[in-house]
Each structure stands twice: as C-alpha cells, then as structure tokens.
Amino acid sequence: MVVIRDHVPTIAAEVRACAAAFDWVFTSGGVGPTHDDMTLEAIGVALDEPLVERPELVALLDRFGIPRTPAAMRMARVPASTELVVGSADELPVLIAGNIIILPGIPRLFRNKFEHIAGRLGGDADGLADCDGGRERRRGSVGRCSSGRGRFMTNVARRGTATAGRE
C-alpha cells in the first residue's frame, strides 16, 4: 500500500503506474468538495482524460440538498470514461474509470461501496483476501499503490478500519 500526498502529479503518476501493472487499482478518499480533494482530477490526468460534469451526479447533489457551489460541483466532475455503478437512487455511485475503482475515504462509506462492487471484481470481499499485491501482473491482482492489497481491502470492508503506510 502507498499513501500518496495531496499533489495531482504525484497521485496521477502512482495511479498510472498501478493501472498499467495491476488488474484493479483502488483509491480511497480525495473525492469531496474541499481544496485538498484531488483524486478525481489526478485520475483524469493519469488517464489523459478531461473531467466532465455528469448530470446524474448533479442530480444527486440536488437530491441531497447540496447547493451548487463551485466546491460542491467538483464532486460532479469525473474523468470522461468513468462508469457510475449505482446501488440505489438515493446513494452515491461507485466510480470506475478503466480499472481504477474510486472509493470514498470515509470508512463506513468505503466499506459499503467496496462490498457493492466486490462481486464484479471476480469474487466477494472475502475472496479478494487471497489476491497478491506483488509487482507481477496477473489475473485478480490488486495494486499495492491502491488503497491496499486484498487483505487490506477485506479488513476495511469488514471493520471499516485500516493502517495507512507503505507495505
């Protein structure tokens, strides 16, 4: 696992490297409305894609009663290829751009979103615990410069907690 500072070029370089090396890359946090929420912009840079405002995300902001301030509208702009995986109409979707799974940093939300898409990744949250986060790319590998290895992801999905740092 790698914890990356709030710096768009650094995040973009790590995401780009991991997206090329692993089947799935997980990001955690940096998707909110504050000045230090840079993950979406950095993923756009990593994928060489512009950020586009998605009407579905604007509608969710409206539904939650969030005023359309410039800061809030940052949450509605995602890399152009981003798929929105919706669980229900009243919740925020999981964002997937290529092989990059973009998850919120709040542990409870992270866990819920991870569990929602775990089956799509070739198993359930428990099954991902066996993934090897090593540098050799192979089917089912989980990038270590993501929010962590399979076991890390499973621990977060189960408990909503994890230790940050480099493994």
Foldseek 3Di string as FASTA:
>chain_A
DADFALDLVRLLVLVLLQVVQEQAFEAEALLALDPSSCNQVSVCVNVVFFWDFDPLQVVLCVVVVNDPDVSRSSNRTGGPQWDFADPDSNDGTFTDRRRYTYFYNQLVRRLVRQQVCQVVLPHGLVVQLPADCDRHYDRSHYHCSHQHGSVQSSVSNVPSDHDDDHD
